[in-house]
Amino acid sequence: KMADKTKSEKKNVEFTNQKKSLKFRISELEEKHKNELVTWREEREKTNSQLFDLQEKLKLAQGVVCEVEDLRSRVSGLEQERTEKELRVDVLMNEKKDVVDECVKKYNLKKW
């Protein structure tokens, strides 16, 4: 019986040691998990902040694109207006050329 008791005590001590070892390992893993969770949260906050910054930059860029398109449209309108005015000037110059040529002939003037 004494040998059985010693065997049983030995097993109990072994079991207790394993239990302590497992508890320690569990607490290590919990600590590691907690640290990883903190790291993950910090990275998520940083990523969210970067995302917000990028969204703000995108809004600004979209505003710039709209302004550029508006300016292009205005430039196109002004170019068309300029072309129309140039055509009118050409027409007027041609009309006046006849008048100028007529006056030069009629009054014997020198053309400039």
C-alpha atoms as a PDB file:
ATOM      1  CA  LYS A   1       0.000   0.000   0.000  1.00  0.00           C
ATOM      2  CA  MET A   2       2.831   2.395   0.756  1.00  0.00           C
ATOM      3  CA  ALA A   3       4.222   1.972  -2.751  1.00  0.00           C
ATOM      4  CA  ASP A   4       0.783   2.667  -4.193  1.00  0.00           C
ATOM      5  CA  LYS A   5       0.472   5.770  -2.029  1.00  0.00           C
ATOM      6  CA  THR A   6       3.890   7.009  -3.151  1.00  0.00           C
ATOM      7  CA  LYS A   7       2.984   6.283  -6.751  1.00  0.00           C
ATOM      8  CA  SER A   8      -0.278   8.150  -6.333  1.00  0.00           C
ATOM      9  CA  GLU A   9       1.453  11.121  -4.663  1.00  0.00           C
ATOM     10  CA  LYS A  10       4.044  11.134  -7.434  1.00  0.00           C
ATOM     11  CA  LYS A  11       1.258  11.185 -10.029  1.00  0.00           C
ATOM     12  CA  ASN A  12      -0.522  13.982  -8.114  1.00  0.00           C
ATOM     13  CA  VAL A  13       2.687  16.034  -8.010  1.00  0.00           C
ATOM     14  CA  GLU A  14       3.246  15.361 -11.705  1.00  0.00           C
ATOM     15  CA  PHE A  15      -0.337  16.332 -12.482  1.00  0.00           C
ATOM     16  CA  THR A  16      -0.044  19.493 -10.353  1.00  0.00           C
ATOM     17  CA  ASN A  17       3.193  20.423 -12.131  1.00  0.00           C
ATOM     18  CA  GLN A  18       1.582  19.847 -15.534  1.00  0.00           C
ATOM     19  CA  LYS A  19      -1.405  21.906 -14.432  1.00  0.00           C
ATOM     20  CA  LYS A  20       0.875  24.758 -13.294  1.00  0.00           C
ATOM     21  CA  SER A  21       2.821  24.518 -16.556  1.00  0.00           C
ATOM     22  CA  LEU A  22      -0.393  24.626 -18.607  1.00  0.00           C
ATOM     23  CA  LYS A  23      -1.753  27.553 -16.597  1.00  0.00           C
ATOM     24  CA  PHE A  24       1.509  29.391 -17.159  1.00  0.00           C
ATOM     25  CA  ARG A  25       1.425  28.584 -20.886  1.00  0.00           C
ATOM     26  CA  ILE A  26      -2.208  29.738 -21.080  1.00  0.00           C
ATOM     27  CA  SER A  27      -1.343  33.032 -19.380  1.00  0.00           C
ATOM     28  CA  GLU A  28       1.602  33.465 -21.783  1.00  0.00           C
ATOM     29  CA  LEU A  29      -0.698  32.868 -24.759  1.00  0.00           C
ATOM     30  CA  GLU A  30      -3.336  35.225 -23.342  1.00  0.00           C
ATOM     31  CA  GLU A  31      -0.691  37.927 -22.882  1.00  0.00           C
ATOM     32  CA  LYS A  32       0.604  37.352 -26.419  1.00  0.00           C
ATOM     33  CA  HIS A  33      -2.945  37.478 -27.778  1.00  0.00           C
ATOM     34  CA  LYS A  34      -3.667  40.650 -25.798  1.00  0.00           C
ATOM     35  CA  ASN A  35      -0.504  42.281 -27.168  1.00  0.00           C
ATOM     36  CA  GLU A  36      -1.355  41.205 -30.717  1.00  0.00           C
ATOM     37  CA  LEU A  37      -4.855  42.582 -30.267  1.00  0.00           C
ATOM     38  CA  VAL A  38      -3.451  45.923 -29.076  1.00  0.00           C
ATOM     39  CA  THR A  39      -1.060  45.978 -32.037  1.00  0.00           C
ATOM     40  CA  TRP A  40      -3.884  45.102 -34.421  1.00  0.00           C
ATOM     41  CA  ARG A  41      -6.072  47.885 -32.988  1.00  0.00           C
ATOM     42  CA  GLU A  42      -3.242  50.403 -33.325  1.00  0.00           C
ATOM     43  CA  GLU A  43      -2.638  49.327 -36.927  1.00  0.00           C
ATOM     44  CA  ARG A  44      -6.380  49.521 -37.636  1.00  0.00           C
ATOM     45  CA  GLU A  45      -6.513  53.058 -36.202  1.00  0.00           C
ATOM     46  CA  LYS A  46      -3.508  54.060 -38.301  1.00  0.00           C
ATOM     47  CA  THR A  47      -5.079  52.490 -41.402  1.00  0.00           C
ATOM     48  CA  ASN A  48      -8.403  54.223 -40.711  1.00  0.00           C
ATOM     49  CA  SER A  49      -6.582  57.520 -40.291  1.00  0.00           C
ATOM     50  CA  GLN A  50      -4.713  56.987 -43.567  1.00  0.00           C
ATOM     51  CA  LEU A  51      -7.989  56.049 -45.255  1.00  0.00           C
ATOM     52  CA  PHE A  52      -9.624  59.241 -43.970  1.00  0.00           C
ATOM     53  CA  ASP A  53      -6.665  61.307 -45.221  1.00  0.00           C
ATOM     54  CA  LEU A  54      -6.859  59.623 -48.617  1.00  0.00           C
ATOM     55  CA  GLN A  55     -10.616  60.238 -48.796  1.00  0.00           C
ATOM     56  CA  GLU A  56     -10.021  63.925 -48.050  1.00  0.00           C
ATOM     57  CA  LYS A  57      -7.316  64.083 -50.727  1.00  0.00           C
ATOM     58  CA  LEU A  58      -9.671  62.337 -53.146  1.00  0.00           C
ATOM     59  CA  LYS A  59     -12.373  64.939 -52.451  1.00  0.00           C
ATOM     60  CA  LEU A  60      -9.857  67.701 -53.108  1.00  0.00           C
ATOM     61  CA  ALA A  61      -8.656  65.984 -56.280  1.00  0.00           C
ATOM     62  CA  GLN A  62     -12.236  65.550 -57.493  1.00  0.00           C
ATOM     63  CA  GLY A  63     -12.828  69.253 -56.829  1.00  0.00           C
ATOM     64  CA  VAL A  64      -9.720  70.101 -58.834  1.00  0.00           C
ATOM     65  CA  VAL A  65     -10.857  67.828 -61.657  1.00  0.00           C
ATOM     66  CA  CYS A  66     -14.231  69.613 -61.698  1.00  0.00           C
ATOM     67  CA  GLU A  67     -12.492  72.998 -61.765  1.00  0.00           C
ATOM     68  CA  VAL A  68     -10.208  71.848 -64.589  1.00  0.00           C
ATOM     69  CA  GLU A  69     -13.177  70.560 -66.594  1.00  0.00           C
ATOM     70  CA  ASP A  70     -14.994  73.855 -65.997  1.00  0.00           C
ATOM     71  CA  LEU A  71     -11.922  75.802 -67.103  1.00  0.00           C
ATOM     72  CA  ARG A  72     -11.529  73.602 -70.178  1.00  0.00           C
ATOM     73  CA  SER A  73     -15.133  74.252 -71.065  1.00  0.00           C
ATOM     74  CA  ARG A  74     -14.661  77.997 -70.582  1.00  0.00           C
ATOM     75  CA  VAL A  75     -11.451  77.961 -72.641  1.00  0.00           C
ATOM     76  CA  SER A  76     -13.229  76.027 -75.380  1.00  0.00           C
ATOM     77  CA  GLY A  77     -16.029  78.611 -75.360  1.00  0.00           C
ATOM     78  CA  LEU A  78     -13.521  81.473 -75.493  1.00  0.00           C
ATOM     79  CA  GLU A  79     -11.617  79.791 -78.330  1.00  0.00           C
ATOM     80  CA  GLN A  80     -14.845  79.394 -80.268  1.00  0.00           C
ATOM     81  CA  GLU A  81     -15.722  83.033 -79.580  1.00  0.00           C
ATOM     82  CA  ARG A  82     -12.241  84.112 -80.722  1.00  0.00           C
ATOM     83  CA  THR A  83     -12.574  82.065 -83.916  1.00  0.00           C
ATOM     84  CA  GLU A  84     -15.959  83.646 -84.624  1.00  0.00           C
ATOM     85  CA  LYS A  85     -14.515  87.131 -84.032  1.00  0.00           C
ATOM     86  CA  GLU A  86     -11.545  86.392 -86.272  1.00  0.00           C
ATOM     87  CA  LEU A  87     -13.918  85.289 -89.006  1.00  0.00           C
ATOM     88  CA  ARG A  88     -15.956  88.479 -88.560  1.00  0.00           C
ATOM     89  CA  VAL A  89     -12.763  90.539 -88.736  1.00  0.00           C
ATOM     90  CA  ASP A  90     -11.751  88.719 -91.947  1.00  0.00           C
ATOM     91  CA  VAL A  91     -15.187  89.377 -93.428  1.00  0.00           C
ATOM     92  CA  LEU A  92     -15.053  93.052 -92.404  1.00  0.00           C
ATOM     93  CA  MET A  93     -11.508  93.404 -93.730  1.00  0.00           C
ATOM     94  CA  ASN A  94     -12.603  91.923 -97.050  1.00  0.00           C
ATOM     95  CA  GLU A  95     -15.607  94.265 -97.148  1.00  0.00           C
ATOM     96  CA  LYS A  96     -13.472  97.279 -96.241  1.00  0.00           C
ATOM     97  CA  LYS A  97     -10.706  96.199 -98.620  1.00  0.00           C
ATOM     98  CA  ASP A  98     -13.039  96.877-101.495  1.00  0.00           C
ATOM     99  CA  VAL A  99     -13.845 100.298-100.016  1.00  0.00           C
ATOM    100  CA  VAL A 100     -10.158 101.054 -99.418  1.00  0.00           C
ATOM    101  CA  ASP A 101      -9.195  99.911-102.911  1.00  0.00           C
ATOM    102  CA  GLU A 102     -12.005 102.027-104.359  1.00  0.00           C
ATOM    103  CA  CYS A 103     -10.874 105.114-102.434  1.00  0.00           C
ATOM    104  CA  VAL A 104      -7.256 104.580-103.437  1.00  0.00           C
ATOM    105  CA  LYS A 105      -8.282 104.381-107.073  1.00  0.00           C
ATOM    106  CA  LYS A 106     -10.811 107.203-106.949  1.00  0.00           C
ATOM    107  CA  TYR A 107      -8.547 109.719-105.188  1.00  0.00           C
ATOM    108  CA  ASN A 108      -5.266 108.441-106.544  1.00  0.00           C
ATOM    109  CA  LEU A 109      -3.935 107.648-103.040  1.00  0.00           C
ATOM    110  CA  LYS A 110      -0.981 105.546-102.058  1.00  0.00           C
ATOM    111  CA  LYS A 111      -1.835 102.335-100.259  1.00  0.00           C
ATOM    112  CA  TRP A 112      -0.098 101.801 -96.943  1.00  0.00           C
END
